[in-house]
Amino acid sequence: MLAEINDFLNNLIWGNILIYLLPALGIFFTVTSRFVQFRYFFKMFNILRDTVHDKEGHISSFQALMLSVAGRVGGGNIAGVAVAITLGGPGAVFWMWIIGLIGMSTSFFECSLAQLYKEKDGEDSCVYRGGPAYYVTKALGQRWIGIIISILLMFTFGFAFNATQSFIISTSFEASFAIPTWITGVVLTLAFGIAIFGGIKRITKLSEVIVPVMAVGYLLIAIVVIALNLSEIPGLISMIVNEAFNPSSAIGGGIGAVILQGAKRCMFSNEAGLGSAPNVAAVAYVAHPVQQGIVQSFSVFIDTIILCSCTAFIILLSGVYTPGAEGVQGVLLTQNALIEHIGPFSGYFVTVALFLFGFSSMLYNYYLAENSLNFFSKGNVTLFNGFRLLCVALIIWGSFQDLGSIFSFADLSMGLLAVINMVVIAILYKPVLKLIKGYDRQLKEGKKPVLRYNDYTEFNIDKDTWKEIVDNINDKRSKE
């Protein structure tokens, strides 16, 4: 009975609310911001290069980006795209692209808000905290909503999704290398424990190394596949666009199913609007909230337009995909497609890639949960260490469990989180528009933008935090 209720609510939230709410608000944010994700796209590279540090210990814009990409890039890029193609056909890829481009503006809005309303993690700390729980409390004065958001984040990412990642990695290694799941689970648990007991700084440093390696490695494999089939690329793109509007009769549900699969897989993969990425965006040390909003919107581009496209091309350029066929799907479809292109060793590559994707996602998931715990109890070392031990225990437990039911409930809690977050950022769109206008105005004045925090006191921001940041940055610039 509980499973039936859960399935009903999941279908209601994802199939009847979020499937319309996320793209509709994404279009609204895109239009009201005058297509901010495209206007500012190339500024991202300058922001990452010019990230300002006034002293040792601050987390850079690049490190925050890599931690965010660590969470967004994962099984959704390898298995999720395969599911979208299996159920929605090649046309689903086109709608993934469209929803991803629109979702970049949503990510910009929520991550700019997280920056604007962030606060210091302790008086003498150089680490910051923020996210949906913080901006809903400060901007709307509704702490009870912040508490609900924090609970949903802790359960979804800290517990359920991390246990599930452990299960996926362990079973993948068992299938590819005949390594018992408990051995992989122990190794994974030790690595995870060492990472999280080092705090957010160690997590970001690990992500800074792992994410570029895994993303570039997967991209290089895709480039090899594309190079081997270069003459077929124009025809493939043409087929994707044509199938988006005129799907094959083998795809049940017609164009509606194609759009639905593309949109759902895209939303699960890049998380734009779901309320997770803002928790990470808030930790970055930048001069103006818009800067991190730009950088975080680029992480959606990396996830959907680049890496999801890699998987789609790998599958569709192989001979292993048959429209309407049932059976092999998910990661096995991607794995078989790579074997078709490159040879048997590529199947092992997918397993290793899943390990890197999964482990980096676990670090990201843990940070979301820790940030949520901090919302309840700031600075309680004993509570935090107990929480870390529980998270570590769930990794070893998840390595040999069938977590289908837990994952299903996590989908429901994530859906509820997304609905709450999207409504909140829709209400708070005006502060973001003011941030954009202020940022543009300083650019026209020929200045490097900093937040003029006295212009935003009406929004109940942490003025002391921003005063310290801006004063330090101005001092550093005056000495250059």
Protein backbone atom coordinates (compact mmCIF):
# COMPACT_ATOMS: atom_id res chain seq x y z
CA MET A 1 0.00 0.00 0.00
CA LEU A 2 2.84 2.37 0.90
CA ALA A 3 4.56 1.55 -2.39
CA GLU A 4 1.36 2.31 -4.30
CA ILE A 5 0.95 5.65 -2.51
CA ASN A 6 4.58 6.49 -3.21
CA ASP A 7 4.20 5.63 -6.91
CA PHE A 8 1.04 7.74 -7.13
CA LEU A 9 2.71 10.76 -5.53
CA ASN A 10 5.84 10.34 -7.66
CA ASN A 11 3.77 10.28 -10.84
CA LEU A 12 1.77 13.27 -9.64
CA ILE A 13 4.80 15.40 -8.77
CA TRP A 14 7.16 14.43 -11.59
CA GLY A 15 4.66 13.61 -14.32
CA ASN A 16 2.02 16.29 -13.71
CA ILE A 17 3.64 19.16 -11.81
CA LEU A 18 7.40 19.42 -12.29
CA ILE A 19 7.32 18.36 -15.93
CA TYR A 20 5.46 21.62 -16.61
CA LEU A 21 6.65 23.80 -13.72
CA LEU A 22 10.40 23.48 -14.37
CA PRO A 23 10.38 24.40 -18.09
CA ALA A 24 7.67 27.06 -17.63
CA LEU A 25 9.60 28.87 -14.90
CA GLY A 26 12.85 28.33 -16.82
CA ILE A 27 11.34 30.18 -19.78
CA PHE A 28 10.07 32.91 -17.42
CA PHE A 29 13.54 33.36 -15.87
CA THR A 30 15.17 33.34 -19.32
CA VAL A 31 12.89 36.05 -20.71
CA THR A 32 12.81 38.32 -17.63
CA SER A 33 16.61 38.22 -17.36
CA ARG A 34 17.00 38.93 -21.08
CA PHE A 35 18.53 35.51 -21.76
CA VAL A 36 21.12 35.81 -19.01
CA GLN A 37 22.60 32.34 -19.60
CA PHE A 38 23.60 33.30 -23.15
CA ARG A 39 24.57 36.95 -22.55
CA TYR A 40 27.00 36.03 -19.78
CA PHE A 41 28.17 32.68 -21.13
CA PHE A 42 31.74 33.65 -22.06
CA LYS A 43 32.23 35.76 -18.92
CA MET A 44 32.42 32.51 -17.00
CA PHE A 45 35.99 31.89 -18.14
CA ASN A 46 37.15 35.31 -16.90
CA ILE A 47 35.38 34.79 -13.58
CA LEU A 48 37.13 31.47 -12.97
CA ARG A 49 40.48 33.01 -13.91
CA ASP A 50 40.06 36.14 -11.83
CA THR A 51 38.61 34.58 -8.67
CA VAL A 52 39.88 36.75 -5.85
CA HIS A 53 41.46 35.38 -2.67
CA ASP A 54 42.47 37.67 0.15
CA LYS A 55 43.90 34.97 2.37
CA GLU A 56 44.43 31.23 2.58
CA GLY A 57 41.38 29.10 3.15
CA HIS A 58 38.63 30.49 0.96
CA ILE A 59 36.92 28.15 -1.48
CA SER A 60 37.32 29.38 -5.04
CA SER A 61 34.68 29.74 -7.70
CA PHE A 62 36.36 26.91 -9.64
CA GLN A 63 36.34 24.56 -6.64
CA ALA A 64 32.64 25.25 -6.04
CA LEU A 65 31.96 24.63 -9.73
CA MET A 66 33.80 21.29 -9.65
CA LEU A 67 31.90 20.17 -6.55
CA SER A 68 28.63 21.11 -8.27
CA VAL A 69 29.62 19.28 -11.46
CA ALA A 70 30.59 16.30 -9.29
CA GLY A 71 26.97 16.01 -8.23
CA ARG A 72 25.39 16.77 -11.57
CA VAL A 73 27.68 14.53 -13.60
CA GLY A 74 27.06 10.89 -12.79
CA GLY A 75 24.85 7.94 -13.58
CA GLY A 76 22.36 10.25 -15.27
CA ASN A 77 24.90 10.99 -17.98
CA ILE A 78 25.69 7.34 -18.65
CA ALA A 79 22.54 5.41 -17.73
CA GLY A 80 19.92 8.20 -17.78
CA VAL A 81 20.52 9.17 -21.40
CA ALA A 82 20.30 5.52 -22.42
CA VAL A 83 16.93 5.23 -20.65
CA ALA A 84 15.69 8.39 -22.40
CA ILE A 85 16.67 7.00 -25.81
CA THR A 86 15.21 3.56 -25.04
CA LEU A 87 11.82 4.95 -23.97
CA GLY A 88 11.66 8.16 -26.01
CA GLY A 89 13.81 7.46 -29.04
CA PRO A 90 16.57 9.68 -30.49
CA GLY A 91 14.21 12.68 -30.42
CA ALA A 92 14.40 12.70 -26.62
CA VAL A 93 17.98 13.96 -26.95
CA PHE A 94 16.76 17.13 -28.69
CA TRP A 95 14.37 17.89 -25.84
CA MET A 96 17.17 17.23 -23.33
CA TRP A 97 19.14 19.96 -25.09
CA ILE A 98 16.21 22.41 -25.04
CA ILE A 99 15.33 21.83 -21.38
CA GLY A 100 19.03 22.01 -20.47
CA LEU A 101 19.50 25.39 -22.16
CA ILE A 102 16.39 26.74 -20.43
CA GLY A 103 17.46 25.20 -17.12
CA MET A 104 20.70 27.20 -17.22
CA SER A 105 18.69 30.32 -16.33
CA THR A 106 16.93 28.53 -13.47
CA SER A 107 20.28 27.47 -12.05
CA PHE A 108 21.54 31.04 -12.43
CA PHE A 109 18.61 32.39 -10.39
CA GLU A 110 18.75 29.87 -7.55
CA CYS A 111 22.55 30.02 -7.23
CA SER A 112 22.64 33.84 -7.32
CA LEU A 113 20.08 33.84 -4.51
CA ALA A 114 22.20 31.39 -2.52
CA GLN A 115 25.18 33.73 -2.85
CA LEU A 116 23.18 36.85 -1.95
CA TYR A 117 21.77 35.33 1.26
CA LYS A 118 24.81 33.32 2.36
CA GLU A 119 26.36 33.66 5.82
CA LYS A 120 29.67 32.86 7.47
CA ASP A 121 30.12 29.45 9.09
CA GLY A 122 31.28 30.87 12.42
CA GLU A 123 32.78 34.21 13.42
CA ASP A 124 36.39 33.41 12.49
CA SER A 125 35.61 31.01 9.64
CA CYS A 126 36.44 31.66 5.99
CA VAL A 127 33.81 29.13 4.86
CA TYR A 128 30.28 30.18 3.92
CA ARG A 129 26.89 28.46 4.08
CA GLY A 130 23.76 29.01 2.08
CA GLY A 131 21.05 27.44 -0.04
CA PRO A 132 17.24 27.22 -0.25
CA ALA A 133 16.78 26.80 3.52
CA TYR A 134 18.77 29.98 4.11
CA TYR A 135 17.18 32.21 1.47
CA VAL A 136 13.63 31.10 2.27
CA THR A 137 14.29 31.93 5.95
CA LYS A 138 16.00 35.28 5.41
CA ALA A 139 14.04 36.56 2.41
CA LEU A 140 10.58 35.30 3.30
CA GLY A 141 10.93 34.89 7.07
CA GLN A 142 9.63 31.32 6.90
CA ARG A 143 12.07 29.21 8.91
CA TRP A 144 9.62 26.31 9.05
CA ILE A 145 9.91 25.96 5.27
CA GLY A 146 13.69 26.02 5.66
CA ILE A 147 13.43 23.17 8.16
CA ILE A 148 11.36 21.08 5.73
CA ILE A 149 13.86 21.76 2.94
CA SER A 150 16.76 20.73 5.18
CA ILE A 151 15.09 17.46 6.21
CA LEU A 152 14.30 16.60 2.59
CA LEU A 153 17.89 17.35 1.54
CA MET A 154 19.37 15.27 4.38
CA PHE A 155 17.25 12.22 3.63
CA THR A 156 17.43 12.41 -0.17
CA PHE A 157 21.11 13.13 -0.70
CA GLY A 158 22.90 12.28 2.54
CA PHE A 159 21.23 8.93 3.14
CA ALA A 160 19.26 7.43 0.23
CA PHE A 161 21.26 8.61 -2.78
CA ASN A 162 24.63 7.85 -1.21
CA ALA A 163 23.59 4.33 -0.22
CA THR A 164 22.28 3.83 -3.75
CA GLN A 165 25.52 5.09 -5.32
CA SER A 166 27.40 2.58 -3.18
CA PHE A 167 25.12 -0.21 -4.42
CA ILE A 168 25.56 0.80 -8.09
CA ILE A 169 29.36 1.01 -7.84
CA SER A 170 29.73 -2.28 -5.91
CA THR A 171 27.47 -4.30 -8.22
CA SER A 172 29.15 -2.79 -11.29
CA PHE A 173 32.59 -3.92 -10.08
CA GLU A 174 31.22 -7.36 -9.28
CA ALA A 175 29.82 -7.69 -12.81
CA SER A 176 32.95 -6.41 -14.57
CA PHE A 177 35.80 -7.69 -12.37
CA ALA A 178 34.12 -10.41 -10.23
CA ILE A 179 35.02 -8.46 -7.06
CA PRO A 180 32.60 -9.23 -4.19
CA THR A 181 30.37 -6.29 -3.34
CA TRP A 182 31.52 -6.20 0.29
CA ILE A 183 35.16 -5.65 -0.74
CA THR A 184 34.26 -2.73 -2.99
CA GLY A 185 32.00 -1.46 -0.22
CA VAL A 186 34.84 -1.48 2.33
CA VAL A 187 37.25 0.34 0.00
CA LEU A 188 34.59 2.87 -0.92
CA THR A 189 33.71 3.42 2.74
CA LEU A 190 37.32 4.06 3.73
CA ALA A 191 37.87 6.54 0.89
CA PHE A 192 34.59 8.29 1.64
CA GLY A 193 35.32 8.52 5.36
CA ILE A 194 38.77 10.03 4.81
CA ALA A 195 37.24 12.62 2.49
CA ILE A 196 34.31 13.78 4.62
CA PHE A 197 36.15 13.92 7.94
CA GLY A 198 38.43 16.47 6.30
CA GLY A 199 35.52 18.88 5.93
CA ILE A 200 34.32 20.91 2.96
CA LYS A 201 37.85 22.06 2.05
CA ARG A 202 39.08 18.49 1.56
CA ILE A 203 35.91 17.60 -0.34
CA THR A 204 36.37 20.51 -2.75
CA LYS A 205 40.06 19.68 -3.23
CA LEU A 206 39.23 16.07 -4.12
CA SER A 207 36.46 17.18 -6.47
CA GLU A 208 38.86 19.63 -8.07
CA VAL A 209 41.02 16.65 -9.09
CA ILE A 210 38.48 13.89 -9.74
CA VAL A 211 35.88 15.82 -11.75
CA PRO A 212 38.15 17.17 -14.51
CA VAL A 213 39.80 13.76 -14.89
CA MET A 214 36.53 11.85 -15.20
CA ALA A 215 34.83 14.44 -17.40
CA VAL A 216 37.79 14.86 -19.75
CA GLY A 217 38.32 11.09 -19.92
CA TYR A 218 34.72 10.46 -20.90
CA LEU A 219 34.82 13.36 -23.35
CA LEU A 220 37.96 11.97 -25.00
CA ILE A 221 36.31 8.57 -25.46
CA ALA A 222 33.32 10.28 -27.08
CA ILE A 223 35.63 12.29 -29.36
CA VAL A 224 37.29 9.06 -30.49
CA VAL A 225 33.88 7.56 -31.29
CA ILE A 226 32.79 10.70 -33.16
CA ALA A 227 36.08 10.83 -35.09
CA LEU A 228 35.62 7.20 -36.17
CA ASN A 229 32.13 8.05 -37.43
CA LEU A 230 32.62 11.68 -38.50
CA SER A 231 30.79 11.36 -41.80
CA GLU A 232 27.65 10.17 -40.00
CA ILE A 233 27.38 13.14 -37.58
CA PRO A 234 25.34 15.51 -39.83
CA GLY A 235 22.85 12.75 -40.57
CA LEU A 236 22.67 11.82 -36.88
CA ILE A 237 21.89 15.38 -35.78
CA SER A 238 19.29 15.66 -38.53
CA MET A 239 17.70 12.40 -37.32
CA ILE A 240 17.62 13.63 -33.69
CA VAL A 241 15.83 16.85 -34.69
CA ASN A 242 13.41 15.03 -37.01
CA GLU A 243 12.60 12.37 -34.40
CA ALA A 244 11.92 15.13 -31.85
CA PHE A 245 8.86 16.22 -33.85
CA ASN A 246 8.10 13.07 -35.89
CA PRO A 247 8.99 10.10 -33.67
CA SER A 248 9.20 6.57 -35.03
CA SER A 249 6.03 4.51 -34.77
CA ALA A 250 8.03 2.08 -32.63
CA ILE A 251 8.07 4.67 -29.82
CA GLY A 252 4.92 4.28 -27.76
CA GLY A 253 3.15 7.48 -26.75
CA GLY A 254 4.17 9.59 -29.75
CA ILE A 255 5.69 13.05 -29.44
CA GLY A 256 4.36 13.45 -25.88
CA ALA A 257 6.46 10.50 -24.69
CA VAL A 258 9.51 11.85 -26.52
CA ILE A 259 9.25 15.25 -24.84
CA LEU A 260 8.48 13.68 -21.44
CA GLN A 261 11.50 11.35 -21.50
CA GLY A 262 13.86 14.07 -22.68
CA ALA A 263 12.62 16.52 -20.05
CA LYS A 264 12.63 14.02 -17.14
CA ARG A 265 16.10 12.64 -17.85
CA CYS A 266 17.45 16.16 -18.30
CA MET A 267 15.98 17.35 -14.99
CA PHE A 268 17.28 14.31 -13.11
CA SER A 269 20.71 14.76 -14.64
CA ASN A 270 21.43 18.49 -14.28
CA GLU A 271 19.25 19.21 -11.18
CA ALA A 272 18.49 22.77 -12.34
CA GLY A 273 15.79 24.10 -10.02
CA LEU A 274 15.83 21.13 -7.65
CA GLY A 275 17.44 23.13 -4.82
CA SER A 276 20.64 21.09 -4.49
CA ALA A 277 23.22 23.15 -6.42
CA PRO A 278 22.57 26.42 -4.50
CA ASN A 279 23.99 24.82 -1.33
CA VAL A 280 27.31 24.43 -3.12
CA ALA A 281 27.17 27.76 -4.97
CA ALA A 282 26.98 29.61 -1.65
CA VAL A 283 30.41 28.44 -0.48
CA ALA A 284 32.34 30.20 -3.26
CA TYR A 285 34.29 33.34 -2.41
CA VAL A 286 33.33 35.82 -5.15
CA ALA A 287 32.90 39.57 -5.36
CA HIS A 288 29.32 39.54 -6.66
CA PRO A 289 26.54 36.90 -6.50
CA VAL A 290 25.98 37.10 -10.27
CA GLN A 291 29.49 35.77 -10.84
CA GLN A 292 28.73 32.43 -9.20
CA GLY A 293 25.29 32.36 -10.83
CA ILE A 294 27.05 32.51 -14.21
CA VAL A 295 29.52 29.79 -13.25
CA GLN A 296 26.84 27.46 -11.88
CA SER A 297 24.67 27.84 -14.97
CA PHE A 298 27.69 26.65 -16.95
CA SER A 299 27.70 23.42 -14.93
CA VAL A 300 24.25 22.67 -16.42
CA PHE A 301 25.77 23.20 -19.88
CA ILE A 302 28.64 20.82 -19.08
CA ASP A 303 26.24 18.18 -17.80
CA THR A 304 23.53 18.26 -20.45
CA ILE A 305 24.87 19.79 -23.64
CA ILE A 306 28.35 18.25 -23.47
CA LEU A 307 28.37 15.02 -21.46
CA CYS A 308 24.80 13.83 -22.09
CA SER A 309 25.39 14.47 -25.80
CA CYS A 310 28.53 12.31 -25.60
CA THR A 311 26.50 9.36 -24.34
CA ALA A 312 23.76 9.95 -26.92
CA PHE A 313 26.24 10.00 -29.80
CA ILE A 314 28.01 6.89 -28.51
CA ILE A 315 24.72 4.96 -28.41
CA LEU A 316 23.16 6.26 -31.63
CA LEU A 317 26.34 5.81 -33.70
CA SER A 318 26.54 2.14 -32.68
CA GLY A 319 24.47 -0.73 -33.94
CA VAL A 320 23.20 -1.82 -30.54
CA TYR A 321 20.16 0.48 -30.36
CA THR A 322 16.91 -0.64 -31.99
CA PRO A 323 13.86 1.69 -31.77
CA GLY A 324 11.13 0.20 -29.60
CA ALA A 325 13.22 -2.80 -28.56
CA GLU A 326 13.03 -3.96 -24.96
CA GLY A 327 15.71 -5.68 -22.93
CA VAL A 328 19.13 -4.06 -22.69
CA GLN A 329 18.92 -0.49 -21.44
CA GLY A 330 20.52 1.88 -19.00
CA VAL A 331 24.23 1.53 -18.34
CA LEU A 332 24.39 -1.81 -20.19
CA LEU A 333 23.21 -0.13 -23.39
CA THR A 334 25.96 2.49 -23.10
CA GLN A 335 28.50 -0.18 -22.22
CA ASN A 336 27.53 -2.38 -25.19
CA ALA A 337 27.64 0.63 -27.51
CA LEU A 338 31.21 1.46 -26.44
CA ILE A 339 32.26 -2.17 -26.88
CA GLU A 340 30.81 -2.02 -30.41
CA HIS A 341 32.88 1.08 -31.20
CA ILE A 342 36.20 0.46 -29.47
CA GLY A 343 36.38 -3.09 -28.19
CA PRO A 344 35.97 -5.12 -24.99
CA PHE A 345 38.22 -2.92 -22.83
CA SER A 346 35.74 -0.05 -23.11
CA GLY A 347 33.27 -2.00 -20.99
CA TYR A 348 35.77 -1.82 -18.14
CA PHE A 349 36.18 1.89 -18.81
CA VAL A 350 32.46 2.44 -18.20
CA THR A 351 32.75 0.64 -14.85
CA VAL A 352 35.72 2.79 -13.80
CA ALA A 353 33.93 5.92 -15.02
CA LEU A 354 30.90 4.96 -12.96
CA PHE A 355 33.16 4.61 -9.92
CA LEU A 356 34.62 8.10 -10.40
CA PHE A 357 31.23 9.62 -11.21
CA GLY A 358 29.62 7.84 -8.28
CA PHE A 359 32.31 8.66 -5.73
CA SER A 360 32.38 12.34 -6.62
CA SER A 361 28.57 12.40 -6.45
CA MET A 362 28.76 10.88 -2.97
CA LEU A 363 31.03 13.72 -1.81
CA TYR A 364 28.59 16.24 -3.27
CA ASN A 365 25.60 14.49 -1.69
CA TYR A 366 27.30 14.43 1.68
CA TYR A 367 28.02 18.14 1.55
CA LEU A 368 24.35 18.88 0.83
CA ALA A 369 23.38 16.84 3.88
CA GLU A 370 26.04 18.48 6.07
CA ASN A 371 24.89 21.92 4.99
CA SER A 372 21.34 20.96 5.96
CA LEU A 373 22.50 19.73 9.37
CA ASN A 374 24.35 23.00 9.87
CA PHE A 375 21.05 24.82 9.40
CA PHE A 376 19.78 23.08 12.56
CA SER A 377 22.92 23.00 14.67
CA LYS A 378 25.78 25.28 13.76
CA GLY A 379 29.19 24.32 15.11
CA ASN A 380 28.20 21.26 17.19
CA VAL A 381 31.30 19.12 16.58
CA THR A 382 29.98 16.02 18.39
CA LEU A 383 26.73 16.05 16.40
CA PHE A 384 28.59 16.53 13.13
CA ASN A 385 31.01 13.66 13.81
CA GLY A 386 28.11 11.37 14.76
CA PHE A 387 26.34 12.35 11.54
CA ARG A 388 29.48 11.59 9.53
CA LEU A 389 29.76 8.14 11.12
CA LEU A 390 26.14 7.42 10.19
CA CYS A 391 26.79 8.48 6.59
CA VAL A 392 29.90 6.27 6.45
CA ALA A 393 27.93 3.30 7.85
CA LEU A 394 25.26 3.75 5.17
CA ILE A 395 27.92 3.46 2.45
CA ILE A 396 29.01 -0.02 3.55
CA TRP A 397 25.38 -1.01 4.17
CA GLY A 398 24.28 0.18 0.74
CA SER A 399 26.95 -1.85 -1.05
CA PHE A 400 25.01 -5.11 -0.59
CA GLN A 401 21.38 -3.98 -0.34
CA ASP A 402 18.59 -3.81 -2.89
CA LEU A 403 17.70 -0.15 -2.56
CA GLY A 404 14.83 0.13 -5.04
CA SER A 405 12.25 1.18 -2.47
CA ILE A 406 14.55 3.66 -0.72
CA PHE A 407 15.51 5.20 -4.05
CA SER A 408 11.84 5.53 -4.97
CA PHE A 409 11.10 7.38 -1.72
CA ALA A 410 14.15 9.56 -2.36
CA ASP A 411 12.71 10.49 -5.75
CA LEU A 412 9.54 11.59 -3.98
CA SER A 413 11.39 13.70 -1.40
CA MET A 414 13.51 15.26 -4.15
CA GLY A 415 10.34 16.06 -6.09
CA LEU A 416 8.81 17.77 -3.06
CA LEU A 417 12.06 19.69 -2.58
CA ALA A 418 11.97 20.84 -6.20
CA VAL A 419 8.37 22.06 -6.00
CA ILE A 420 9.11 24.09 -2.85
CA ASN A 421 12.34 25.54 -4.27
CA MET A 422 10.83 26.49 -7.64
CA VAL A 423 7.93 28.31 -5.96
CA VAL A 424 10.37 30.15 -3.67
CA ILE A 425 12.72 31.33 -6.44
CA ALA A 426 9.70 32.38 -8.52
CA ILE A 427 8.64 34.59 -5.59
CA LEU A 428 12.20 35.91 -5.17
CA TYR A 429 12.98 36.66 -8.82
CA LYS A 430 13.06 40.45 -8.26
CA PRO A 431 16.22 40.45 -6.08
CA VAL A 432 17.99 38.49 -8.83
CA LEU A 433 16.88 40.94 -11.51
CA LYS A 434 18.24 43.76 -9.33
CA LEU A 435 21.52 41.86 -9.00
CA ILE A 436 21.74 41.56 -12.79
CA LYS A 437 21.04 45.29 -13.30
CA GLY A 438 23.67 46.22 -10.72
CA TYR A 439 26.21 43.90 -12.29
CA ASP A 440 25.52 45.26 -15.79
CA ARG A 441 25.75 48.84 -14.55
CA GLN A 442 29.22 48.30 -13.08
CA LEU A 443 30.40 46.63 -16.29
CA LYS A 444 29.22 49.65 -18.30
CA GLU A 445 31.13 51.88 -15.86
CA GLY A 446 34.25 49.92 -16.76
CA LYS A 447 34.61 48.45 -13.27
CA LYS A 448 35.13 44.95 -11.98
CA PRO A 449 31.78 44.34 -10.25
CA VAL A 450 31.49 43.96 -6.49
CA LEU A 451 28.26 43.69 -4.56
CA ARG A 452 27.12 47.16 -3.44
CA TYR A 453 25.53 45.62 -0.38
CA ASN A 454 23.92 48.87 0.84
CA ASP A 455 21.64 48.71 -2.22
CA TYR A 456 20.18 45.38 -1.02
CA THR A 457 19.38 46.00 2.65
CA GLU A 458 15.66 45.78 1.86
CA PHE A 459 16.17 42.07 1.11
CA ASN A 460 17.49 41.21 4.60
CA ILE A 461 20.92 40.00 3.47
CA ASP A 462 23.84 39.41 5.85
CA LYS A 463 25.39 42.83 5.38
CA ASP A 464 28.39 42.15 7.65
CA THR A 465 29.40 39.09 5.62
CA TRP A 466 29.29 41.01 2.35
CA LYS A 467 31.01 44.07 3.82
CA GLU A 468 33.95 41.92 4.87
CA ILE A 469 34.17 40.25 1.46
CA VAL A 470 33.91 43.51 -0.51
CA ASP A 471 36.37 45.37 1.74
CA ASN A 472 38.94 42.58 1.40
CA ILE A 473 38.52 42.45 -2.37
CA ASN A 474 38.76 46.22 -2.74
CA ASP A 475 41.91 46.28 -0.59
CA LYS A 476 43.50 43.58 -2.73
CA ARG A 477 42.58 45.35 -5.97
CA SER A 478 43.95 48.67 -4.72
CA LYS A 479 47.32 47.01 -4.08
CA GLU A 480 47.52 45.43 -7.54
